[in-house]
C-alpha atoms as a PDB file:
ATOM      1  CA  MET A   1      50.836  -7.831 -29.446  1.00  0.00           C
ATOM      2  CA  ILE A   2      51.718  -8.018 -25.743  1.00  0.00           C
ATOM      3  CA  LEU A   3      51.259  -4.251 -25.401  1.00  0.00           C
ATOM      4  CA  GLU A   4      47.876  -4.468 -27.101  1.00  0.00           C
ATOM      5  CA  SER A   5      46.789  -7.205 -24.676  1.00  0.00           C
ATOM      6  CA  TRP A   6      47.856  -5.150 -21.680  1.00  0.00           C
ATOM      7  CA  VAL A   7      45.942  -2.159 -23.040  1.00  0.00           C
ATOM      8  CA  LYS A   8      42.802  -4.300 -23.314  1.00  0.00           C
ATOM      9  CA  VAL A   9      43.245  -5.616 -19.777  1.00  0.00           C
ATOM     10  CA  PHE A  10      43.812  -2.113 -18.406  1.00  0.00           C
ATOM     11  CA  ALA A  11      40.762  -0.805 -20.248  1.00  0.00           C
ATOM     12  CA  ALA A  12      38.642  -3.630 -18.855  1.00  0.00           C
ATOM     13  CA  ILE A  13      39.822  -2.847 -15.317  1.00  0.00           C
ATOM     14  CA  VAL A  14      39.049   0.857 -15.752  1.00  0.00           C
ATOM     15  CA  PHE A  15      35.571   0.173 -17.127  1.00  0.00           C
ATOM     16  CA  ALA A  16      34.869  -2.280 -14.314  1.00  0.00           C
ATOM     17  CA  PHE A  17      35.975   0.306 -11.724  1.00  0.00           C
ATOM     18  CA  LEU A  18      33.821   2.993 -13.309  1.00  0.00           C
ATOM     19  CA  GLY A  19      30.861   0.618 -13.341  1.00  0.00           C
ATOM     20  CA  ILE A  20      31.281  -0.143  -9.630  1.00  0.00           C
ATOM     21  CA  LEU A  21      31.667   3.564  -8.872  1.00  0.00           C
ATOM     22  CA  ALA A  22      28.520   4.411 -10.833  1.00  0.00           C
ATOM     23  CA  LEU A  23      26.596   1.680  -9.040  1.00  0.00           C
ATOM     24  CA  GLY A  24      27.766   3.008  -5.696  1.00  0.00           C
ATOM     25  CA  LEU A  25      26.693   6.514  -6.597  1.00  0.00           C
ATOM     26  CA  ASN A  26      23.296   5.269  -7.752  1.00  0.00           C
ATOM     27  CA  LEU A  27      22.769   3.380  -4.515  1.00  0.00           C
ATOM     28  CA  ALA A  28      23.777   6.425  -2.505  1.00  0.00           C
ATOM     29  CA  GLY A  29      21.394   8.589  -4.498  1.00  0.00           C
ATOM     30  CA  ALA A  30      18.590   6.100  -3.970  1.00  0.00           C
ATOM     31  CA  GLY A  31      18.854   6.308  -0.203  1.00  0.00           C
ATOM     32  CA  ALA A  32      16.417   8.179   2.006  1.00  0.00           C
ATOM     33  CA  PRO A  33      16.957  11.940   2.299  1.00  0.00           C
ATOM     34  CA  SER A  34      18.881  12.738   5.423  1.00  0.00           C
ATOM     35  CA  LEU A  35      16.990  13.715   8.554  1.00  0.00           C
ATOM     36  CA  PRO A  36      17.397  15.588  10.761  1.00  0.00           C
ATOM     37  CA  LEU A  37      18.320  18.607   8.682  1.00  0.00           C
ATOM     38  CA  CYS A  38      21.060  21.026   9.590  1.00  0.00           C
ATOM     39  CA  LEU A  39      20.172  24.666   9.056  1.00  0.00           C
ATOM     40  CA  PRO A  40      22.755  27.302  10.052  1.00  0.00           C
ATOM     41  CA  GLY A  41      21.776  29.554  12.955  1.00  0.00           C
ATOM     42  CA  PRO A  42      21.305  32.752  10.902  1.00  0.00           C
ATOM     43  CA  GLU A  43      18.852  30.944   8.582  1.00  0.00           C
ATOM     44  CA  TRP A  44      16.834  29.315  11.374  1.00  0.00           C
ATOM     45  CA  GLN A  45      13.421  30.750  12.230  1.00  0.00           C
ATOM     46  CA  PRO A  46      10.696  29.452  14.571  1.00  0.00           C
ATOM     47  CA  LEU A  47       7.637  27.973  12.902  1.00  0.00           C
ATOM     48  CA  SER A  48       5.520  30.959  13.956  1.00  0.00           C
ATOM     49  CA  GLN A  49       7.712  33.119  11.711  1.00  0.00           C
ATOM     50  CA  ARG A  50       7.321  30.796   8.730  1.00  0.00           C
ATOM     51  CA  ARG A  51       3.685  31.670   8.034  1.00  0.00           C
ATOM     52  CA  ASP A  52       3.159  32.051   4.296  1.00  0.00           C
ATOM     53  CA  GLN A  53       0.270  34.090   2.885  1.00  0.00           C
ATOM     54  CA  ARG A  54       0.126  32.253  -0.449  1.00  0.00           C
ATOM     55  CA  LEU A  55       0.096  28.842   1.218  1.00  0.00           C
ATOM     56  CA  GLN A  56      -2.534  30.066   3.686  1.00  0.00           C
ATOM     57  CA  ALA A  57      -4.744  31.345   0.870  1.00  0.00           C
ATOM     58  CA  ARG A  58      -4.482  28.031  -0.972  1.00  0.00           C
ATOM     59  CA  LEU A  59      -5.295  26.047   2.165  1.00  0.00           C
ATOM     60  CA  ASP A  60      -8.290  28.250   2.995  1.00  0.00           C
ATOM     61  CA  ARG A  61      -9.575  27.986  -0.576  1.00  0.00           C
ATOM     62  CA  ALA A  62      -9.176  24.196  -0.654  1.00  0.00           C
ATOM     63  CA  LEU A  63     -11.003  23.676   2.638  1.00  0.00           C
ATOM     64  CA  THR A  64     -13.925  25.926   1.664  1.00  0.00           C
ATOM     65  CA  LYS A  65     -14.765  23.530  -1.187  1.00  0.00           C
ATOM     66  CA  HIS A  66     -16.039  21.038   1.396  1.00  0.00           C
ATOM     67  CA  ASP A  67     -19.223  22.297   3.048  1.00  0.00           C
ATOM     68  CA  SER A  68     -19.219  19.701   5.830  1.00  0.00           C
ATOM     69  CA  TRP A  69     -15.629  20.603   6.705  1.00  0.00           C
ATOM     70  CA  GLN A  70     -16.510  24.285   6.830  1.00  0.00           C
ATOM     71  CA  SER A  71     -19.276  23.695   9.361  1.00  0.00           C
ATOM     72  CA  LEU A  72     -16.814  21.814  11.582  1.00  0.00           C
ATOM     73  CA  ILE A  73     -14.187  24.535  11.187  1.00  0.00           C
ATOM     74  CA  ARG A  74     -16.653  27.274  12.098  1.00  0.00           C
ATOM     75  CA  ALA A  75     -17.697  25.294  15.183  1.00  0.00           C
ATOM     76  CA  GLY A  76     -14.074  24.838  16.261  1.00  0.00           C
ATOM     77  CA  LYS A  77     -14.341  21.074  15.738  1.00  0.00           C
ATOM     78  CA  MET A  78     -11.737  20.736  12.993  1.00  0.00           C
ATOM     79  CA  SER A  79      -8.198  22.082  12.916  1.00  0.00           C
ATOM     80  CA  VAL A  80      -5.503  21.713  10.262  1.00  0.00           C
ATOM     81  CA  GLY A  81      -1.796  22.512  10.187  1.00  0.00           C
ATOM     82  CA  LEU A  82       0.412  22.249   7.089  1.00  0.00           C
ATOM     83  CA  VAL A  83       4.165  22.843   6.750  1.00  0.00           C
ATOM     84  CA  ASP A  84       5.829  22.756   3.325  1.00  0.00           C
ATOM     85  CA  LEU A  85       9.406  21.446   3.691  1.00  0.00           C
ATOM     86  CA  SER A  86      10.172  20.996  -0.023  1.00  0.00           C
ATOM     87  CA  ASN A  87      12.734  23.796   0.323  1.00  0.00           C
ATOM     88  CA  PRO A  88      14.338  23.119   3.727  1.00  0.00           C
ATOM     89  CA  THR A  89      15.962  26.560   3.818  1.00  0.00           C
ATOM     90  CA  ALA A  90      12.592  28.285   3.379  1.00  0.00           C
ATOM     91  CA  PRO A  91       9.783  26.223   4.959  1.00  0.00           C
ATOM     92  CA  ARG A  92       6.238  27.556   4.691  1.00  0.00           C
ATOM     93  CA  PHE A  93       3.440  27.217   7.241  1.00  0.00           C
ATOM     94  CA  ALA A  94      -0.342  27.587   7.166  1.00  0.00           C
ATOM     95  CA  GLN A  95      -3.061  26.602   9.617  1.00  0.00           C
ATOM     96  CA  VAL A  96      -6.798  26.710  10.274  1.00  0.00           C
ATOM     97  CA  ASN A  97      -7.905  26.736  13.923  1.00  0.00           C
ATOM     98  CA  GLY A  98      -4.285  25.929  14.679  1.00  0.00           C
ATOM     99  CA  ASP A  99      -4.403  27.356  18.200  1.00  0.00           C
ATOM    100  CA  THR A 100      -7.711  25.710  19.126  1.00  0.00           C
ATOM    101  CA  MET A 101      -7.198  23.152  21.881  1.00  0.00           C
ATOM    102  CA  MET A 102      -8.972  19.879  21.200  1.00  0.00           C
ATOM    103  CA  TYR A 103      -9.060  16.479  22.813  1.00  0.00           C
ATOM    104  CA  GLY A 104      -5.737  14.909  21.849  1.00  0.00           C
ATOM    105  CA  ALA A 105      -6.394  11.220  22.589  1.00  0.00           C
ATOM    106  CA  SER A 106      -3.024   9.496  22.010  1.00  0.00           C
ATOM    107  CA  LEU A 107      -1.241  12.489  20.456  1.00  0.00           C
ATOM    108  CA  PRO A 108       0.226  13.677  23.809  1.00  0.00           C
ATOM    109  CA  LYS A 109       2.219  10.433  23.841  1.00  0.00           C
ATOM    110  CA  LEU A 110       4.671  12.511  21.808  1.00  0.00           C
ATOM    111  CA  MET A 111       5.460  14.317  25.068  1.00  0.00           C
ATOM    112  CA  VAL A 112       6.214  10.951  26.698  1.00  0.00           C
ATOM    113  CA  LEU A 113       8.629  10.190  23.842  1.00  0.00           C
ATOM    114  CA  LEU A 114      10.345  13.561  24.289  1.00  0.00           C
ATOM    115  CA  ALA A 115      10.489  13.214  28.080  1.00  0.00           C
ATOM    116  CA  ALA A 116      12.029   9.741  27.809  1.00  0.00           C
ATOM    117  CA  PHE A 117      14.807  10.928  25.504  1.00  0.00           C
ATOM    118  CA  GLN A 118      15.342  14.028  27.634  1.00  0.00           C
ATOM    119  CA  GLY A 119      15.706  11.643  30.573  1.00  0.00           C
ATOM    120  CA  PHE A 120      18.252   9.575  28.643  1.00  0.00           C
ATOM    121  CA  ALA A 121      20.246  12.715  27.833  1.00  0.00           C
ATOM    122  CA  ASP A 122      20.103  14.028  31.408  1.00  0.00           C
ATOM    123  CA  GLY A 123      20.807  10.670  33.021  1.00  0.00           C
ATOM    124  CA  ALA A 124      17.478  10.733  34.866  1.00  0.00           C
ATOM    125  CA  LEU A 125      16.151   7.684  32.992  1.00  0.00           C
ATOM    126  CA  LYS A 126      18.235   4.607  32.273  1.00  0.00           C
ATOM    127  CA  GLU A 127      18.383   3.850  28.557  1.00  0.00           C
ATOM    128  CA  THR A 128      17.580   0.157  28.202  1.00  0.00           C
ATOM    129  CA  PRO A 129      16.257  -2.106  25.424  1.00  0.00           C
ATOM    130  CA  GLN A 130      13.105  -2.569  27.505  1.00  0.00           C
ATOM    131  CA  VAL A 131      12.372   1.173  27.555  1.00  0.00           C
ATOM    132  CA  HIS A 132      13.065   1.441  23.823  1.00  0.00           C
ATOM    133  CA  ARG A 133      10.668  -1.420  23.113  1.00  0.00           C
ATOM    134  CA  ALA A 134       7.994   0.267  25.231  1.00  0.00           C
ATOM    135  CA  LEU A 135       8.475   3.535  23.314  1.00  0.00           C
ATOM    136  CA  ILE A 136       8.140   1.728  19.978  1.00  0.00           C
ATOM    137  CA  GLU A 137       4.948   0.011  21.152  1.00  0.00           C
ATOM    138  CA  MET A 138       3.615   3.341  22.446  1.00  0.00           C
ATOM    139  CA  ILE A 139       4.283   5.250  19.205  1.00  0.00           C
ATOM    140  CA  ARG A 140       3.890   2.785  16.335  1.00  0.00           C
ATOM    141  CA  ARG A 141       1.075   0.715  17.823  1.00  0.00           C
ATOM    142  CA  SER A 142      -0.269   3.308  20.302  1.00  0.00           C
ATOM    143  CA  SER A 143      -0.059   0.829  23.174  1.00  0.00           C
ATOM    144  CA  ASN A 144      -1.684   2.308  26.281  1.00  0.00           C
ATOM    145  CA  PRO A 145       0.021  -0.137  28.699  1.00  0.00           C
ATOM    146  CA  ALA A 146       3.424   0.749  27.212  1.00  0.00           C
ATOM    147  CA  ALA A 147       2.665   4.476  27.507  1.00  0.00           C
ATOM    148  CA  SER A 148       1.564   4.102  31.123  1.00  0.00           C
ATOM    149  CA  GLN A 149       4.692   2.085  31.897  1.00  0.00           C
ATOM    150  CA  VAL A 150       7.005   4.839  30.616  1.00  0.00           C
ATOM    151  CA  ILE A 151       4.920   7.589  32.248  1.00  0.00           C
ATOM    152  CA  GLY A 152       5.285   5.745  35.552  1.00  0.00           C
ATOM    153  CA  GLN A 153       9.056   5.551  35.143  1.00  0.00           C
ATOM    154  CA  ILE A 154       9.423   9.258  34.348  1.00  0.00           C
ATOM    155  CA  GLY A 155       6.639  10.797  36.428  1.00  0.00           C
ATOM    156  CA  LEU A 156       3.542  12.574  35.154  1.00  0.00           C
ATOM    157  CA  ARG A 157       4.479  15.956  36.657  1.00  0.00           C
ATOM    158  CA  LYS A 158       7.946  15.836  35.081  1.00  0.00           C
ATOM    159  CA  ILE A 159       6.396  15.304  31.658  1.00  0.00           C
ATOM    160  CA  GLU A 160       3.989  18.203  32.206  1.00  0.00           C
ATOM    161  CA  ALA A 161       6.883  20.415  33.306  1.00  0.00           C
ATOM    162  CA  LEU A 162       8.922  19.496  30.229  1.00  0.00           C
ATOM    163  CA  ALA A 163       6.039  20.388  27.889  1.00  0.00           C
ATOM    164  CA  SER A 164       5.974  23.872  29.481  1.00  0.00           C
ATOM    165  CA  ASP A 165       9.764  24.201  29.706  1.00  0.00           C
ATOM    166  CA  ARG A 166      11.124  27.347  28.033  1.00  0.00           C
ATOM    167  CA  ARG A 167      13.326  25.156  25.814  1.00  0.00           C
ATOM    168  CA  TYR A 168      10.257  23.707  24.106  1.00  0.00           C
ATOM    169  CA  ARG A 169       7.032  25.546  25.077  1.00  0.00           C
ATOM    170  CA  PHE A 170       4.708  22.866  23.713  1.00  0.00           C
ATOM    171  CA  TYR A 171       2.223  24.026  26.328  1.00  0.00           C
ATOM    172  CA  ASP A 172       1.825  27.722  27.085  1.00  0.00           C
ATOM    173  CA  PRO A 173      -1.376  28.935  28.800  1.00  0.00           C
ATOM    174  CA  GLN A 174      -0.554  32.504  27.774  1.00  0.00           C
ATOM    175  CA  LYS A 175      -0.823  31.446  24.125  1.00  0.00           C
ATOM    176  CA  GLY A 176      -3.930  29.310  24.315  1.00  0.00           C
ATOM    177  CA  GLY A 177      -2.474  26.105  25.709  1.00  0.00           C
ATOM    178  CA  GLY A 178      -1.035  23.340  23.548  1.00  0.00           C
ATOM    179  CA  ILE A 179      -0.068  19.710  24.143  1.00  0.00           C
ATOM    180  CA  TRP A 180      -1.094  18.531  27.605  1.00  0.00           C
ATOM    181  CA  LEU A 181      -0.625  15.123  29.221  1.00  0.00           C
ATOM    182  CA  GLY A 182      -2.777  15.080  32.338  1.00  0.00           C
ATOM    183  CA  GLY A 183      -2.878  11.384  33.084  1.00  0.00           C
ATOM    184  CA  ALA A 184      -1.589   7.949  32.191  1.00  0.00           C
ATOM    185  CA  TYR A 185      -3.340   5.781  29.610  1.00  0.00           C
ATOM    186  CA  SER A 186      -4.661   3.206  32.071  1.00  0.00           C
ATOM    187  CA  PRO A 187      -7.501   3.151  34.623  1.00  0.00           C
ATOM    188  CA  GLY A 188      -6.770   4.738  37.981  1.00  0.00           C
ATOM    189  CA  GLY A 189      -3.730   6.766  38.847  1.00  0.00           C
ATOM    190  CA  GLU A 190      -3.170  10.487  39.040  1.00  0.00           C
ATOM    191  CA  VAL A 191      -5.224  12.775  36.813  1.00  0.00           C
ATOM    192  CA  ASN A 192      -4.396  16.442  36.337  1.00  0.00           C
ATOM    193  CA  PRO A 193      -6.821  18.049  33.844  1.00  0.00           C
ATOM    194  CA  GLU A 194      -5.688  20.796  31.509  1.00  0.00           C
ATOM    195  CA  PRO A 195      -6.621  24.101  33.244  1.00  0.00           C
ATOM    196  CA  ILE A 196      -8.414  25.763  30.318  1.00  0.00           C
ATOM    197  CA  THR A 197     -10.474  22.903  28.874  1.00  0.00           C
ATOM    198  CA  GLY A 198     -10.624  20.512  31.821  1.00  0.00           C
ATOM    199  CA  LEU A 199      -9.576  17.662  29.505  1.00  0.00           C
ATOM    200  CA  SER A 200      -6.922  15.148  30.499  1.00  0.00           C
ATOM    201  CA  HIS A 201      -5.201  15.010  27.105  1.00  0.00           C
ATOM    202  CA  THR A 202      -5.150  17.969  24.722  1.00  0.00           C
ATOM    203  CA  ALA A 203      -3.287  19.155  21.650  1.00  0.00           C
ATOM    204  CA  THR A 204      -3.319  21.943  19.085  1.00  0.00           C
ATOM    205  CA  ALA A 205      -2.461  21.618  15.413  1.00  0.00           C
ATOM    206  CA  PHE A 206       0.135  24.372  15.745  1.00  0.00           C
ATOM    207  CA  GLN A 207       2.058  22.757  18.595  1.00  0.00           C
ATOM    208  CA  LEU A 208       1.973  19.363  16.900  1.00  0.00           C
ATOM    209  CA  CYS A 209       3.378  20.949  13.740  1.00  0.00           C
ATOM    210  CA  ARG A 210       6.074  22.556  15.896  1.00  0.00           C
ATOM    211  CA  PHE A 211       7.001  19.182  17.359  1.00  0.00           C
ATOM    212  CA  TYR A 212       7.672  17.654  13.936  1.00  0.00           C
ATOM    213  CA  TYR A 213       9.264  20.871  12.668  1.00  0.00           C
ATOM    214  CA  LEU A 214      11.789  20.977  15.515  1.00  0.00           C
ATOM    215  CA  LEU A 215      12.396  17.252  15.166  1.00  0.00           C
ATOM    216  CA  ALA A 216      13.019  17.528  11.415  1.00  0.00           C
ATOM    217  CA  TYR A 217      15.680  20.168  12.024  1.00  0.00           C
ATOM    218  CA  GLY A 218      17.337  18.281  14.879  1.00  0.00           C
ATOM    219  CA  ARG A 219      16.306  20.817  17.511  1.00  0.00           C
ATOM    220  CA  LEU A 220      14.674  18.505  20.044  1.00  0.00           C
ATOM    221  CA  ILE A 221      17.389  17.816  22.653  1.00  0.00           C
ATOM    222  CA  SER A 222      20.155  17.322  20.045  1.00  0.00           C
ATOM    223  CA  PRO A 223      20.493  16.265  16.397  1.00  0.00           C
ATOM    224  CA  GLU A 224      21.397  12.715  17.433  1.00  0.00           C
ATOM    225  CA  ARG A 225      18.506  12.406  19.893  1.00  0.00           C
ATOM    226  CA  SER A 226      16.177  13.868  17.256  1.00  0.00           C
ATOM    227  CA  ARG A 227      17.380  11.206  14.804  1.00  0.00           C
ATOM    228  CA  GLN A 228      16.675   8.480  17.349  1.00  0.00           C
ATOM    229  CA  MET A 229      13.147   9.776  17.975  1.00  0.00           C
ATOM    230  CA  LEU A 230      12.504   9.951  14.230  1.00  0.00           C
ATOM    231  CA  LYS A 231      13.521   6.307  13.956  1.00  0.00           C
ATOM    232  CA  ILE A 232      10.845   5.350  16.490  1.00  0.00           C
ATOM    233  CA  LEU A 233       8.187   7.448  14.721  1.00  0.00           C
ATOM    234  CA  ALA A 234       8.896   5.743  11.362  1.00  0.00           C
ATOM    235  CA  PHE A 235       7.258   2.524  10.134  1.00  0.00           C
ATOM    236  CA  PRO A 236       3.760   3.298  11.500  1.00  0.00           C
ATOM    237  CA  ASP A 237       1.935   0.051  12.240  1.00  0.00           C
ATOM    238  CA  LEU A 238      -1.616   1.355  12.623  1.00  0.00           C
ATOM    239  CA  PRO A 239      -3.533   1.613   9.332  1.00  0.00           C
ATOM    240  CA  GLY A 240      -6.179   4.196   8.538  1.00  0.00           C
ATOM    241  CA  LYS A 241      -6.324   7.984   8.428  1.00  0.00           C
ATOM    242  CA  PHE A 242      -3.332   9.628   6.676  1.00  0.00           C
ATOM    243  CA  VAL A 243      -1.350   6.393   6.393  1.00  0.00           C
ATOM    244  CA  SER A 244      -4.059   4.571   4.429  1.00  0.00           C
ATOM    245  CA  VAL A 245      -3.565   7.105   1.629  1.00  0.00           C
ATOM    246  CA  LEU A 246       0.183   7.668   1.855  1.00  0.00           C
ATOM    247  CA  GLU A 247       1.401   4.089   2.306  1.00  0.00           C
ATOM    248  CA  THR A 248       0.895   3.317  -1.399  1.00  0.00           C
ATOM    249  CA  ALA A 249       3.004   6.310  -2.453  1.00  0.00           C
ATOM    250  CA  VAL A 250       5.685   6.685   0.231  1.00  0.00           C
ATOM    251  CA  PRO A 251       7.953   4.029   1.810  1.00  0.00           C
ATOM    252  CA  PRO A 252       7.151   3.408   5.499  1.00  0.00           C
ATOM    253  CA  ASP A 253      10.603   4.551   6.614  1.00  0.00           C
ATOM    254  CA  HIS A 254       9.779   7.999   5.178  1.00  0.00           C
ATOM    255  CA  LEU A 255       6.568   8.355   7.199  1.00  0.00           C
ATOM    256  CA  TYR A 256       6.946   9.663  10.766  1.00  0.00           C
ATOM    257  CA  ARG A 257       3.565   9.509  12.438  1.00  0.00           C
ATOM    258  CA  LYS A 258       1.424   9.556  15.579  1.00  0.00           C
ATOM    259  CA  SER A 259      -2.336   9.251  15.450  1.00  0.00           C
ATOM    260  CA  GLY A 260      -5.114   9.261  18.009  1.00  0.00           C
ATOM    261  CA  GLU A 261      -8.744   8.249  18.270  1.00  0.00           C
ATOM    262  CA  VAL A 262     -11.364   7.876  20.974  1.00  0.00           C
ATOM    263  CA  ARG A 263     -15.137   7.896  20.582  1.00  0.00           C
ATOM    264  CA  GLY A 264     -15.994  10.870  18.334  1.00  0.00           C
ATOM    265  CA  PHE A 265     -12.478  12.336  18.267  1.00  0.00           C
ATOM    266  CA  HIS A 266     -10.128  11.515  15.384  1.00  0.00           C
ATOM    267  CA  ALA A 267      -6.653  12.944  14.863  1.00  0.00           C
ATOM    268  CA  ASP A 268      -3.509  12.307  12.868  1.00  0.00           C
ATOM    269  CA  SER A 269      -0.102  13.931  12.630  1.00  0.00           C
ATOM    270  CA  ILE A 270       2.638  13.046  10.180  1.00  0.00           C
ATOM    271  CA  LEU A 271       5.991  14.156   8.810  1.00  0.00           C
ATOM    272  CA  VAL A 272       6.324  12.970   5.209  1.00  0.00           C
ATOM    273  CA  TRP A 273       9.901  12.991   3.974  1.00  0.00           C
ATOM    274  CA  ASP A 274      10.018  11.513   0.487  1.00  0.00           C
ATOM    275  CA  THR A 275      11.913  12.542  -2.635  1.00  0.00           C
ATOM    276  CA  GLY A 276      11.107  15.653  -4.655  1.00  0.00           C
ATOM    277  CA  TRP A 277       8.185  17.843  -3.607  1.00  0.00           C
ATOM    278  CA  ARG A 278       6.551  15.401  -1.186  1.00  0.00           C
ATOM    279  CA  ARG A 279       8.173  16.679   1.999  1.00  0.00           C
ATOM    280  CA  TYR A 280       5.744  18.166   4.472  1.00  0.00           C
ATOM    281  CA  ILE A 281       4.075  18.066   7.879  1.00  0.00           C
ATOM    282  CA  LEU A 282       0.318  17.552   8.064  1.00  0.00           C
ATOM    283  CA  VAL A 283      -1.764  17.638  11.244  1.00  0.00           C
ATOM    284  CA  SER A 284      -5.509  17.550  11.773  1.00  0.00           C
ATOM    285  CA  LEU A 285      -7.780  17.074  14.791  1.00  0.00           C
ATOM    286  CA  ILE A 286     -11.491  16.459  14.259  1.00  0.00           C
ATOM    287  CA  GLU A 287     -14.436  16.096  16.618  1.00  0.00           C
ATOM    288  CA  ASP A 288     -16.944  14.281  14.443  1.00  0.00           C
ATOM    289  CA  ALA A 289     -18.081  10.727  13.753  1.00  0.00           C
ATOM    290  CA  ARG A 290     -16.894  11.153  10.144  1.00  0.00           C
ATOM    291  CA  GLY A 291     -13.388  12.085  11.283  1.00  0.00           C
ATOM    292  CA  GLU A 292     -11.662   8.957   9.956  1.00  0.00           C
ATOM    293  CA  ARG A 293     -13.016   9.516   6.448  1.00  0.00           C
ATOM    294  CA  ILE A 294     -12.285  13.245   6.536  1.00  0.00           C
ATOM    295  CA  LEU A 295      -8.657  12.605   7.495  1.00  0.00           C
ATOM    296  CA  LYS A 296      -8.264  10.274   4.511  1.00  0.00           C
ATOM    297  CA  GLU A 297      -9.800  12.860   2.190  1.00  0.00           C
ATOM    298  CA  LEU A 298      -7.596  15.605   3.610  1.00  0.00           C
ATOM    299  CA  VAL A 299      -4.311  14.111   2.347  1.00  0.00           C
ATOM    300  CA  PRO A 300      -4.877  14.650  -1.411  1.00  0.00           C
ATOM    301  CA  VAL A 301      -6.368  18.065  -0.654  1.00  0.00           C
ATOM    302  CA  ALA A 302      -3.247  19.081   1.297  1.00  0.00           C
ATOM    303  CA  GLU A 303      -0.977  17.718  -1.425  1.00  0.00           C
ATOM    304  CA  GLN A 304      -2.831  19.719  -4.050  1.00  0.00           C
ATOM    305  CA  VAL A 305      -2.352  22.815  -1.890  1.00  0.00           C
ATOM    306  CA  LEU A 306       1.384  22.122  -1.898  1.00  0.00           C
ATOM    307  CA  ARG A 307       1.473  21.264  -5.588  1.00  0.00           C
ATOM    308  CA  PRO A 308      -1.469  22.878  -7.408  1.00  0.00           C
ATOM    309  CA  SER A 309      -0.859  20.883 -10.622  1.00  0.00           C
ATOM    310  CA  LEU A 310      -1.514  17.623  -8.753  1.00  0.00           C
ATOM    311  CA  PRO A 311      -4.970  16.076  -9.372  1.00  0.00           C
ATOM    312  CA  LEU A 312      -7.211  15.435  -6.393  1.00  0.00           C
ATOM    313  CA  SER A 313      -6.102  11.843  -5.842  1.00  0.00           C
ATOM    314  CA  SER A 314      -3.472  10.047  -3.820  1.00  0.00           C
ATOM    315  CA  GLY A 315      -0.927  10.975  -6.479  1.00  0.00           C
ATOM    316  CA  GLU A 316       1.855   8.832  -7.856  1.00  0.00           C
ATOM    317  CA  GLY A 317       1.555   5.243  -6.735  1.00  0.00           C
ATOM    318  CA  ARG A 318       4.217   3.032  -5.322  1.00  0.00           C
ATOM    319  CA  LYS A 319       3.825  -0.545  -4.215  1.00  0.00           C
ATOM    320  CA  LYS A 320       3.018  -0.895  -0.561  1.00  0.00           C
ATOM    321  CA  THR A 321       5.942  -2.086   1.507  1.00  0.00           C
ATOM    322  CA  ARG A 322       5.804  -3.079   5.124  1.00  0.00           C
ATOM    323  CA  ARG A 323       8.342  -3.924   7.743  1.00  0.00           C
END
């Protein structure tokens, strides 16, 4: 009888332990996929070498179904970049007008973010809670005063030099330009227009895709610094554009985003890192009064390009969560 009681007690303890272990495994499995990724050197390839003909054909075909988009594309007033990261060891890239420089509005603030973290790593900029708060305001809420504050601390010319630095090459005049920050985001101060277009702030879909691509693989400064920059890019606070469609399907901590808008220019850039197939980079810059609406419509189109069986809608829903 005593032995039987001990057996029951032991069995209860074992089952309780297994239950706790299973719960722990479930919680671990429910966590966000780990970014940045770690891809061994031999498997790593630059984004320019990840162009995929099938993905390109699908993107071209999807965009041609919209006559108004086609007129903008032909006029060089709409650019799109798409990177499929569903298989991290074999990413795929496609673009339309990807090397066309367009007015970037707030998108070049990504160069301020990079320059700040490069300054932290080099010891040229003191890493303080105040600077971190300014970077969060600059990225998540697109605060112009916060951006100008950080630009003033780093120096406009240093940021321009970093964008052209051989480590990153986000701006290369020999390859059509790229991301250019030619002035702070406040009245007055130094202005240094981009040499080709004469605009103060420019970007290309290709270079913006590269920024998120390098960040996703931990290749901006270091894996740890890339992780810290991703943390700032998460939880986008500005509604509209891509986020207005994705926020009902993807948790905010899985959306890494910077948008821009001024007068007739509308742009958005995002790294979506959810479970399953929904892992991609999408970038678009549009010079048109309808740009906001087009950017919203572009998300389901891009997702159908990535997953042809998906209907032309926002896809699987998930309750909106905010932080």
